[in-house]
């Protein structure tokens, strides 16, 4: 299964702009847990950016924002969470079988 973060906005001429970020399978459960926590507590999420130079120096961007999550359908969110957990369980079982062989 693939999980993707999709950001949408519009230009001044009302043209849609979409940016998609793939979320690695190893991060699926953590991402879903974060979303569920933020949605369940009804608290804003803060977004910011960090620039990392080739030398490893980190610099926080001057752009920052906040937003609140709003669920389309809570049932769909719980189904997605279950699907991701099932996929993780299957992956772990396969890894254990490979180690035993």
PDB file of N, CA and C in Angstrom:
ATOM      1  N   UNK A   1       0.837  -1.169   0.000  1.00  0.00           N
ATOM      2  CA  UNK A   1       0.000   0.000   0.000  1.00  0.00           C
ATOM      3  C   UNK A   1       0.888   1.240   0.000  1.00  0.00           C
ATOM      4  N   UNK A   2       0.421   2.272  -0.682  1.00  0.00           N
ATOM      5  CA  UNK A   2       1.123   3.546  -0.706  1.00  0.00           C
ATOM      6  C   UNK A   2       0.321   4.561   0.091  1.00  0.00           C
ATOM      7  N   UNK A   3       1.021   5.438   0.758  1.00  0.00           N
ATOM      8  CA  UNK A   3       0.391   6.521   1.500  1.00  0.00           C
ATOM      9  C   UNK A   3       1.066   7.807   1.054  1.00  0.00           C
ATOM     10  N   UNK A   4       0.264   8.806   0.769  1.00  0.00           N
ATOM     11  CA  UNK A   4       0.780  10.042   0.211  1.00  0.00           C
ATOM     12  C   UNK A   4       0.153  11.240   0.916  1.00  0.00           C
ATOM     13  N   UNK A   5       0.967  12.248   1.189  1.00  0.00           N
ATOM     14  CA  UNK A   5       0.493  13.531   1.710  1.00  0.00           C
ATOM     15  C   UNK A   5       0.293  14.444   0.509  1.00  0.00           C
ATOM     16  N   UNK A   6      -0.893  15.006   0.373  1.00  0.00           N
ATOM     17  CA  UNK A   6      -1.214  15.848  -0.780  1.00  0.00           C
ATOM     18  C   UNK A   6      -1.533  17.256  -0.291  1.00  0.00           C
ATOM     19  N   UNK A   7      -0.811  18.222  -0.827  1.00  0.00           N
ATOM     20  CA  UNK A   7      -1.040  19.632  -0.505  1.00  0.00           C
ATOM     21  C   UNK A   7      -1.647  20.301  -1.733  1.00  0.00           C
ATOM     22  N   UNK A   8      -2.716  21.084  -1.518  1.00  0.00           N
ATOM     23  CA  UNK A   8      -3.399  21.751  -2.627  1.00  0.00           C
ATOM     24  C   UNK A   8      -3.546  23.237  -2.326  1.00  0.00           C
ATOM     25  N   UNK A   9      -3.438  24.019  -3.373  1.00  0.00           N
ATOM     26  CA  UNK A   9      -3.695  25.458  -3.286  1.00  0.00           C
ATOM     27  C   UNK A   9      -4.116  25.945  -4.666  1.00  0.00           C
ATOM     28  N   UNK A  10      -4.354  27.229  -4.780  1.00  0.00           N
ATOM     29  CA  UNK A  10      -4.748  27.817  -6.069  1.00  0.00           C
ATOM     30  C   UNK A  10      -3.890  29.046  -6.328  1.00  0.00           C
ATOM     31  N   UNK A  11      -3.650  29.323  -7.606  1.00  0.00           N
ATOM     32  CA  UNK A  11      -2.905  30.512  -7.992  1.00  0.00           C
ATOM     33  C   UNK A  11      -3.847  31.714  -8.021  1.00  0.00           C
ATOM     34  N   UNK A  12      -3.299  32.868  -8.316  1.00  0.00           N
ATOM     35  CA  UNK A  12      -4.121  34.079  -8.416  1.00  0.00           C
ATOM     36  C   UNK A  12      -5.146  33.956  -9.542  1.00  0.00           C
ATOM     37  N   UNK A  13      -4.801  33.165 -10.564  1.00  0.00           N
ATOM     38  CA  UNK A  13      -5.712  32.969 -11.697  1.00  0.00           C
ATOM     39  C   UNK A  13      -6.631  31.776 -11.483  1.00  0.00           C
ATOM     40  N   UNK A  14      -6.733  31.326 -10.241  1.00  0.00           N
ATOM     41  CA  UNK A  14      -7.628  30.244  -9.832  1.00  0.00           C
ATOM     42  C   UNK A  14      -7.270  28.887 -10.457  1.00  0.00           C
ATOM     43  N   UNK A  15      -5.983  28.671 -10.707  1.00  0.00           N
ATOM     44  CA  UNK A  15      -5.513  27.398 -11.241  1.00  0.00           C
ATOM     45  C   UNK A  15      -5.051  26.522 -10.070  1.00  0.00           C
ATOM     46  N   UNK A  16      -5.454  25.250 -10.086  1.00  0.00           N
ATOM     47  CA  UNK A  16      -5.068  24.327  -9.018  1.00  0.00           C
ATOM     48  C   UNK A  16      -3.583  23.984  -9.091  1.00  0.00           C
ATOM     49  N   UNK A  17      -2.955  23.940  -7.927  1.00  0.00           N
ATOM     50  CA  UNK A  17      -1.576  23.492  -7.804  1.00  0.00           C
ATOM     51  C   UNK A  17      -1.575  22.397  -6.747  1.00  0.00           C
ATOM     52  N   UNK A  18      -1.003  21.249  -7.091  1.00  0.00           N
ATOM     53  CA  UNK A  18      -0.995  20.105  -6.184  1.00  0.00           C
ATOM     54  C   UNK A  18       0.431  19.609  -6.029  1.00  0.00           C
ATOM     55  N   UNK A  19       0.806  19.341  -4.794  1.00  0.00           N
ATOM     56  CA  UNK A  19       2.122  18.809  -4.470  1.00  0.00           C
ATOM     57  C   UNK A  19       1.921  17.531  -3.675  1.00  0.00           C
ATOM     58  N   UNK A  20       2.557  16.427  -4.109  1.00  0.00           N
ATOM     59  CA  UNK A  20       2.357  15.128  -3.461  1.00  0.00           C
ATOM     60  C   UNK A  20       3.682  14.631  -2.882  1.00  0.00           C
ATOM     61  N   UNK A  21       3.631  14.180  -1.626  1.00  0.00           N
ATOM     62  CA  UNK A  21       4.794  13.617  -0.945  1.00  0.00           C
ATOM     63  C   UNK A  21       4.482  12.175  -0.564  1.00  0.00           C
ATOM     64  N   UNK A  22       5.288  11.244  -1.031  1.00  0.00           N
ATOM     65  CA  UNK A  22       5.109   9.857  -0.627  1.00  0.00           C
ATOM     66  C   UNK A  22       5.580   9.690   0.808  1.00  0.00           C
ATOM     67  N   UNK A  23       4.859   8.878   1.552  1.00  0.00           N
ATOM     68  CA  UNK A  23       5.249   8.566   2.928  1.00  0.00           C
ATOM     69  C   UNK A  23       5.765   7.135   2.927  1.00  0.00           C
ATOM     70  N   UNK A  24       6.983   6.962   3.371  1.00  0.00           N
ATOM     71  CA  UNK A  24       7.622   5.644   3.360  1.00  0.00           C
ATOM     72  C   UNK A  24       6.820   4.657   4.207  1.00  0.00           C
ATOM     73  N   UNK A  25       6.762   3.398   3.774  1.00  0.00           N
ATOM     74  CA  UNK A  25       6.016   2.392   4.540  1.00  0.00           C
ATOM     75  C   UNK A  25       6.455   2.297   6.004  1.00  0.00           C
ATOM     76  N   UNK A  26       7.718   2.547   6.280  1.00  0.00           N
ATOM     77  CA  UNK A  26       8.201   2.483   7.659  1.00  0.00           C
ATOM     78  C   UNK A  26       7.647   3.620   8.511  1.00  0.00           C
ATOM     79  N   UNK A  27       7.097   4.644   7.872  1.00  0.00           N
ATOM     80  CA  UNK A  27       6.552   5.809   8.594  1.00  0.00           C
ATOM     81  C   UNK A  27       5.029   5.810   8.639  1.00  0.00           C
ATOM     82  N   UNK A  28       4.359   4.838   7.987  1.00  0.00           N
ATOM     83  CA  UNK A  28       2.901   4.840   7.909  1.00  0.00           C
ATOM     84  C   UNK A  28       2.229   4.886   9.274  1.00  0.00           C
ATOM     85  N   UNK A  29       2.584   3.977  10.161  1.00  0.00           N
ATOM     86  CA  UNK A  29       1.912   3.896  11.460  1.00  0.00           C
ATOM     87  C   UNK A  29       2.158   5.164  12.277  1.00  0.00           C
ATOM     88  N   UNK A  30       3.369   5.676  12.278  1.00  0.00           N
ATOM     89  CA  UNK A  30       3.666   6.902  13.006  1.00  0.00           C
ATOM     90  C   UNK A  30       2.878   8.084  12.470  1.00  0.00           C
ATOM     91  N   UNK A  31       2.763   8.167  11.149  1.00  0.00           N
ATOM     92  CA  UNK A  31       2.009   9.256  10.533  1.00  0.00           C
ATOM     93  C   UNK A  31       0.536   9.165  10.888  1.00  0.00           C
ATOM     94  N   UNK A  32      -0.039   7.970  10.781  1.00  0.00           N
ATOM     95  CA  UNK A  32      -1.453   7.775  11.110  1.00  0.00           C
ATOM     96  C   UNK A  32      -1.708   8.071  12.590  1.00  0.00           C
ATOM     97  N   UNK A  33      -0.801   7.635  13.467  1.00  0.00           N
ATOM     98  CA  UNK A  33      -0.955   7.922  14.899  1.00  0.00           C
ATOM     99  C   UNK A  33      -0.929   9.431  15.158  1.00  0.00           C
ATOM    100  N   UNK A  34      -0.041  10.133  14.480  1.00  0.00           N
ATOM    101  CA  UNK A  34       0.049  11.587  14.630  1.00  0.00           C
ATOM    102  C   UNK A  34      -1.250  12.252  14.177  1.00  0.00           C
ATOM    103  N   UNK A  35      -1.760  11.833  13.022  1.00  0.00           N
ATOM    104  CA  UNK A  35      -3.000  12.404  12.488  1.00  0.00           C
ATOM    105  C   UNK A  35      -4.168  12.124  13.437  1.00  0.00           C
ATOM    106  N   UNK A  36      -4.256  10.900  13.921  1.00  0.00           N
ATOM    107  CA  UNK A  36      -5.345  10.552  14.845  1.00  0.00           C
ATOM    108  C   UNK A  36      -5.264  11.359  16.135  1.00  0.00           C
ATOM    109  N   UNK A  37      -4.055  11.548  16.649  1.00  0.00           N
ATOM    110  CA  UNK A  37      -3.873  12.336  17.869  1.00  0.00           C
ATOM    111  C   UNK A  37      -4.315  13.782  17.643  1.00  0.00           C
ATOM    112  N   UNK A  38      -3.855  14.381  16.557  1.00  0.00           N
ATOM    113  CA  UNK A  38      -4.201  15.773  16.276  1.00  0.00           C
ATOM    114  C   UNK A  38      -5.696  15.925  16.021  1.00  0.00           C
ATOM    115  N   UNK A  39      -6.282  14.987  15.314  1.00  0.00           N
ATOM    116  CA  UNK A  39      -7.716  15.059  15.004  1.00  0.00           C
ATOM    117  C   UNK A  39      -8.547  14.800  16.257  1.00  0.00           C
ATOM    118  N   UNK A  40      -8.134  13.836  17.064  1.00  0.00           N
ATOM    119  CA  UNK A  40      -8.881  13.477  18.262  1.00  0.00           C
ATOM    120  C   UNK A  40      -8.883  14.557  19.324  1.00  0.00           C
ATOM    121  N   UNK A  41      -7.787  15.273  19.460  1.00  0.00           N
ATOM    122  CA  UNK A  41      -7.693  16.321  20.473  1.00  0.00           C
ATOM    123  C   UNK A  41      -8.179  17.673  19.971  1.00  0.00           C
ATOM    124  N   UNK A  42      -8.448  17.758  18.679  1.00  0.00           N
ATOM    125  CA  UNK A  42      -8.943  18.989  18.068  1.00  0.00           C
ATOM    126  C   UNK A  42      -8.025  20.179  18.357  1.00  0.00           C
ATOM    127  N   UNK A  43      -6.714  19.924  18.279  1.00  0.00           N
ATOM    128  CA  UNK A  43      -5.724  20.983  18.471  1.00  0.00           C
ATOM    129  C   UNK A  43      -5.066  21.310  17.133  1.00  0.00           C
ATOM    130  N   UNK A  44      -4.589  22.541  16.960  1.00  0.00           N
ATOM    131  CA  UNK A  44      -3.956  22.894  15.682  1.00  0.00           C
ATOM    132  C   UNK A  44      -2.603  22.197  15.516  1.00  0.00           C
ATOM    133  N   UNK A  45      -2.239  21.985  14.266  1.00  0.00           N
ATOM    134  CA  UNK A  45      -0.934  21.439  13.911  1.00  0.00           C
ATOM    135  C   UNK A  45      -0.093  22.595  13.399  1.00  0.00           C
ATOM    136  N   UNK A  46       1.134  22.666  13.843  1.00  0.00           N
ATOM    137  CA  UNK A  46       2.030  23.718  13.374  1.00  0.00           C
ATOM    138  C   UNK A  46       2.915  23.133  12.289  1.00  0.00           C
ATOM    139  N   UNK A  47       3.080  23.865  11.212  1.00  0.00           N
ATOM    140  CA  UNK A  47       3.942  23.434  10.120  1.00  0.00           C
ATOM    141  C   UNK A  47       5.066  24.448   9.973  1.00  0.00           C
ATOM    142  N   UNK A  48       6.271  23.939   9.836  1.00  0.00           N
ATOM    143  CA  UNK A  48       7.426  24.794   9.599  1.00  0.00           C
ATOM    144  C   UNK A  48       8.411  24.010   8.737  1.00  0.00           C
ATOM    145  N   UNK A  49       9.446  24.659   8.320  1.00  0.00           N
ATOM    146  CA  UNK A  49      10.426  24.049   7.437  1.00  0.00           C
ATOM    147  C   UNK A  49      11.816  24.225   8.021  1.00  0.00           C
ATOM    148  N   UNK A  50      12.676  23.277   7.713  1.00  0.00           N
ATOM    149  CA  UNK A  50      14.046  23.312   8.204  1.00  0.00           C
ATOM    150  C   UNK A  50      14.972  23.101   7.015  1.00  0.00           C
ATOM    151  N   UNK A  51      15.903  24.007   6.867  1.00  0.00           N
ATOM    152  CA  UNK A  51      16.889  23.887   5.791  1.00  0.00           C
ATOM    153  C   UNK A  51      18.133  23.227   6.374  1.00  0.00           C
ATOM    154  N   UNK A  52      18.628  22.197   5.681  1.00  0.00           N
ATOM    155  CA  UNK A  52      19.825  21.497   6.128  1.00  0.00           C
ATOM    156  C   UNK A  52      20.861  21.619   5.019  1.00  0.00           C
ATOM    157  N   UNK A  53      21.990  22.246   5.345  1.00  0.00           N
ATOM    158  CA  UNK A  53      23.040  22.433   4.345  1.00  0.00           C
ATOM    159  C   UNK A  53      23.811  21.132   4.156  1.00  0.00           C
ATOM    160  N   UNK A  54      24.654  21.099   3.140  1.00  0.00           N
ATOM    161  CA  UNK A  54      25.462  19.901   2.874  1.00  0.00           C
ATOM    162  C   UNK A  54      26.406  19.602   4.031  1.00  0.00           C
ATOM    163  N   UNK A  55      26.788  20.629   4.757  1.00  0.00           N
ATOM    164  CA  UNK A  55      27.678  20.438   5.903  1.00  0.00           C
ATOM    165  C   UNK A  55      26.919  19.951   7.142  1.00  0.00           C
ATOM    166  N   UNK A  56      25.595  19.897   7.058  1.00  0.00           N
ATOM    167  CA  UNK A  56      24.792  19.421   8.182  1.00  0.00           C
ATOM    168  C   UNK A  56      24.236  20.522   9.057  1.00  0.00           C
ATOM    169  N   UNK A  57      24.536  21.764   8.714  1.00  0.00           N
ATOM    170  CA  UNK A  57      24.044  22.899   9.503  1.00  0.00           C
ATOM    171  C   UNK A  57      22.544  23.072   9.270  1.00  0.00           C
ATOM    172  N   UNK A  58      21.804  23.225  10.354  1.00  0.00           N
ATOM    173  CA  UNK A  58      20.350  23.348  10.263  1.00  0.00           C
ATOM    174  C   UNK A  58      19.918  24.784  10.520  1.00  0.00           C
ATOM    175  N   UNK A  59      18.947  25.221   9.714  1.00  0.00           N
ATOM    176  CA  UNK A  59      18.434  26.573   9.836  1.00  0.00           C
ATOM    177  C   UNK A  59      16.925  26.517   9.654  1.00  0.00           C
ATOM    178  N   UNK A  60      16.192  27.029  10.632  1.00  0.00           N
ATOM    179  CA  UNK A  60      14.737  27.007  10.545  1.00  0.00           C
ATOM    180  C   UNK A  60      14.261  28.110   9.609  1.00  0.00           C
ATOM    181  N   UNK A  61      13.322  27.769   8.751  1.00  0.00           N
ATOM    182  CA  UNK A  61      12.780  28.713   7.784  1.00  0.00           C
ATOM    183  C   UNK A  61      11.941  29.768   8.499  1.00  0.00           C
ATOM    184  N   UNK A  62      11.779  30.899   7.840  1.00  0.00           N
ATOM    185  CA  UNK A  62      10.986  31.988   8.414  1.00  0.00           C
ATOM    186  C   UNK A  62       9.501  31.803   8.154  1.00  0.00           C
ATOM    187  N   UNK A  63       9.139  30.787   7.372  1.00  0.00           N
ATOM    188  CA  UNK A  63       7.733  30.532   7.064  1.00  0.00           C
ATOM    189  C   UNK A  63       7.193  29.496   8.036  1.00  0.00           C
ATOM    190  N   UNK A  64       6.059  29.819   8.637  1.00  0.00           N
ATOM    191  CA  UNK A  64       5.438  28.927   9.612  1.00  0.00           C
ATOM    192  C   UNK A  64       3.928  29.095   9.517  1.00  0.00           C
ATOM    193  N   UNK A  65       3.190  28.063   9.888  1.00  0.00           N
ATOM    194  CA  UNK A  65       1.743  28.167   9.823  1.00  0.00           C
ATOM    195  C   UNK A  65       1.074  27.170  10.753  1.00  0.00           C
ATOM    196  N   UNK A  66      -0.223  27.317  10.918  1.00  0.00           N
ATOM    197  CA  UNK A  66      -1.017  26.402  11.734  1.00  0.00           C
ATOM    198  C   UNK A  66      -2.280  26.037  10.986  1.00  0.00           C
ATOM    199  N   UNK A  67      -2.744  24.814  11.224  1.00  0.00           N
ATOM    200  CA  UNK A  67      -4.020  24.393  10.658  1.00  0.00           C
ATOM    201  C   UNK A  67      -4.623  23.322  11.536  1.00  0.00           C
ATOM    202  N   UNK A  68      -5.924  23.108  11.385  1.00  0.00           N
ATOM    203  CA  UNK A  68      -6.627  22.061  12.116  1.00  0.00           C
ATOM    204  C   UNK A  68      -7.102  21.025  11.125  1.00  0.00           C
ATOM    205  N   UNK A  69      -7.096  19.781  11.568  1.00  0.00           N
ATOM    206  CA  UNK A  69      -7.579  18.697  10.730  1.00  0.00           C
ATOM    207  C   UNK A  69      -9.091  18.589  10.843  1.00  0.00           C
ATOM    208  N   UNK A  70      -9.687  18.187   9.762  1.00  0.00           N
ATOM    209  CA  UNK A  70     -11.133  18.022   9.711  1.00  0.00           C
ATOM    210  C   UNK A  70     -11.389  16.706   8.973  1.00  0.00           C
ATOM    211  N   UNK A  71     -12.082  15.784   9.591  1.00  0.00           N
ATOM    212  CA  UNK A  71     -12.321  14.477   8.989  1.00  0.00           C
ATOM    213  C   UNK A  71     -13.479  14.495   8.009  1.00  0.00           C
ATOM    214  N   UNK A  72     -13.268  13.865   6.839  1.00  0.00           N
ATOM    215  CA  UNK A  72     -14.364  13.706   5.879  1.00  0.00           C
ATOM    216  C   UNK A  72     -15.340  12.672   6.417  1.00  0.00           C
ATOM    217  N   UNK A  73     -14.761  11.556   6.846  1.00  0.00           N
ATOM    218  CA  UNK A  73     -15.575  10.486   7.418  1.00  0.00           C
ATOM    219  C   UNK A  73     -14.699   9.727   8.405  1.00  0.00           C
ATOM    220  N   UNK A  74     -15.067   9.765   9.671  1.00  0.00           N
ATOM    221  CA  UNK A  74     -14.262   9.101  10.690  1.00  0.00           C
ATOM    222  C   UNK A  74     -14.165   7.602  10.434  1.00  0.00           C
ATOM    223  N   UNK A  75     -15.184   7.006   9.851  1.00  0.00           N
ATOM    224  CA  UNK A  75     -15.166   5.590   9.537  1.00  0.00           C
ATOM    225  C   UNK A  75     -14.070   5.277   8.528  1.00  0.00           C
ATOM    226  N   UNK A  76     -13.912   6.126   7.523  1.00  0.00           N
ATOM    227  CA  UNK A  76     -12.868   5.905   6.522  1.00  0.00           C
ATOM    228  C   UNK A  76     -11.482   6.022   7.147  1.00  0.00           C
ATOM    229  N   UNK A  77     -11.312   6.949   8.075  1.00  0.00           N
ATOM    230  CA  UNK A  77     -10.026   7.091   8.748  1.00  0.00           C
ATOM    231  C   UNK A  77      -9.677   5.839   9.543  1.00  0.00           C
ATOM    232  N   UNK A  78     -10.638   5.290  10.254  1.00  0.00           N
ATOM    233  CA  UNK A  78     -10.377   4.084  11.034  1.00  0.00           C
ATOM    234  C   UNK A  78     -10.121   2.886  10.122  1.00  0.00           C
ATOM    235  N   UNK A  79     -10.803   2.822   8.970  1.00  0.00           N
ATOM    236  CA  UNK A  79     -10.548   1.741   8.016  1.00  0.00           C
ATOM    237  C   UNK A  79      -9.131   1.839   7.454  1.00  0.00           C
ATOM    238  N   UNK A  80      -8.687   3.044   7.146  1.00  0.00           N
ATOM    239  CA  UNK A  80      -7.332   3.237   6.643  1.00  0.00           C
ATOM    240  C   UNK A  80      -6.304   2.821   7.689  1.00  0.00           C
ATOM    241  N   UNK A  81      -6.554   3.178   8.932  1.00  0.00           N
ATOM    242  CA  UNK A  81      -5.643   2.805  10.010  1.00  0.00           C
ATOM    243  C   UNK A  81      -5.561   1.283  10.134  1.00  0.00           C
ATOM    244  N   UNK A  82      -6.703   0.592  10.088  1.00  0.00           N
ATOM    245  CA  UNK A  82      -6.722  -0.868  10.175  1.00  0.00           C
ATOM    246  C   UNK A  82      -5.990  -1.498   8.991  1.00  0.00           C
ATOM    247  N   UNK A  83      -6.190  -0.939   7.810  1.00  0.00           N
ATOM    248  CA  UNK A  83      -5.539  -1.466   6.611  1.00  0.00           C
ATOM    249  C   UNK A  83      -4.017  -1.349   6.724  1.00  0.00           C
ATOM    250  N   UNK A  84      -3.553  -0.230   7.231  1.00  0.00           N
ATOM    251  CA  UNK A  84      -2.109  -0.020   7.395  1.00  0.00           C
ATOM    252  C   UNK A  84      -1.552  -0.972   8.449  1.00  0.00           C
ATOM    253  N   UNK A  85      -2.265  -1.159   9.543  1.00  0.00           N
ATOM    254  CA  UNK A  85      -1.804  -2.079  10.581  1.00  0.00           C
ATOM    255  C   UNK A  85      -1.775  -3.515  10.071  1.00  0.00           C
ATOM    256  N   UNK A  86      -2.768  -3.912   9.275  1.00  0.00           N
ATOM    257  CA  UNK A  86      -2.765  -5.250   8.686  1.00  0.00           C
ATOM    258  C   UNK A  86      -1.570  -5.439   7.765  1.00  0.00           C
ATOM    259  N   UNK A  87      -1.274  -4.430   6.962  1.00  0.00           N
ATOM    260  CA  UNK A  87      -0.132  -4.504   6.058  1.00  0.00           C
ATOM    261  C   UNK A  87       1.173  -4.633   6.848  1.00  0.00           C
ATOM    262  N   UNK A  88       1.288  -3.901   7.959  1.00  0.00           N
ATOM    263  CA  UNK A  88       2.484  -3.982   8.804  1.00  0.00           C
ATOM    264  C   UNK A  88       2.623  -5.380   9.417  1.00  0.00           C
ATOM    265  N   UNK A  89       1.504  -5.950   9.878  1.00  0.00           N
ATOM    266  CA  UNK A  89       1.538  -7.296  10.463  1.00  0.00           C
ATOM    267  C   UNK A  89       1.986  -8.328   9.426  1.00  0.00           C
ATOM    268  N   UNK A  90       1.455  -8.231   8.215  1.00  0.00           N
ATOM    269  CA  UNK A  90       1.831  -9.165   7.152  1.00  0.00           C
ATOM    270  C   UNK A  90       3.312  -9.033   6.821  1.00  0.00           C
ATOM    271  N   UNK A  91       3.795  -7.811   6.801  1.00  0.00           N
ATOM    272  CA  UNK A  91       5.204  -7.563   6.502  1.00  0.00           C
ATOM    273  C   UNK A  91       6.094  -8.183   7.581  1.00  0.00           C
ATOM    274  N   UNK A  92       5.702  -8.031   8.844  1.00  0.00           N
ATOM    275  CA  UNK A  92       6.483  -8.606   9.944  1.00  0.00           C
ATOM    276  C   UNK A  92       6.475 -10.127   9.892  1.00  0.00           C
ATOM    277  N   UNK A  93       5.318 -10.725   9.563  1.00  0.00           N
ATOM    278  CA  UNK A  93       5.231 -12.180   9.454  1.00  0.00           C
ATOM    279  C   UNK A  93       6.148 -12.699   8.359  1.00  0.00           C
ATOM    280  N   UNK A  94       6.176 -12.011   7.220  1.00  0.00           N
ATOM    281  CA  UNK A  94       7.057 -12.412   6.129  1.00  0.00           C
ATOM    282  C   UNK A  94       8.522 -12.317   6.536  1.00  0.00           C
ATOM    283  N   UNK A  95       8.867 -11.261   7.263  1.00  0.00           N
ATOM    284  CA  UNK A  95      10.248 -11.097   7.722  1.00  0.00           C
ATOM    285  C   UNK A  95      10.630 -12.204   8.698  1.00  0.00           C
ATOM    286  N   UNK A  96       9.705 -12.573   9.570  1.00  0.00           N
ATOM    287  CA  UNK A  96       9.986 -13.654  10.540  1.00  0.00           C
ATOM    288  C   UNK A  96      10.148 -14.980   9.825  1.00  0.00           C
ATOM    289  N   UNK A  97       9.331 -15.251   8.808  1.00  0.00           N
ATOM    290  CA  UNK A  97       9.456 -16.488   8.040  1.00  0.00           C
ATOM    291  C   UNK A  97      10.798 -16.542   7.320  1.00  0.00           C
ATOM    292  N   UNK A  98      11.229 -15.430   6.777  1.00  0.00           N
ATOM    293  CA  UNK A  98      12.522 -15.375   6.079  1.00  0.00           C
ATOM    294  C   UNK A  98      13.676 -15.634   7.050  1.00  0.00           C
ATOM    295  N   UNK A  99      13.570 -15.113   8.258  1.00  0.00           N
ATOM    296  CA  UNK A  99      14.627 -15.306   9.259  1.00  0.00           C
ATOM    297  C   UNK A  99      14.688 -16.763   9.700  1.00  0.00           C
ATOM    298  N   UNK A 100      13.543 -17.436   9.773  1.00  0.00           N
ATOM    299  CA  UNK A 100      13.500 -18.823  10.205  1.00  0.00           C
ATOM    300  C   UNK A 100      14.060 -19.759   9.142  1.00  0.00           C
ATOM    301  N   UNK A 101      14.002 -19.374   7.868  1.00  0.00           N
ATOM    302  CA  UNK A 101      14.487 -20.236   6.798  1.00  0.00           C
ATOM    303  C   UNK A 101      15.940 -20.166   6.623  1.00  0.00           C
TER     304      UNK A 101
END
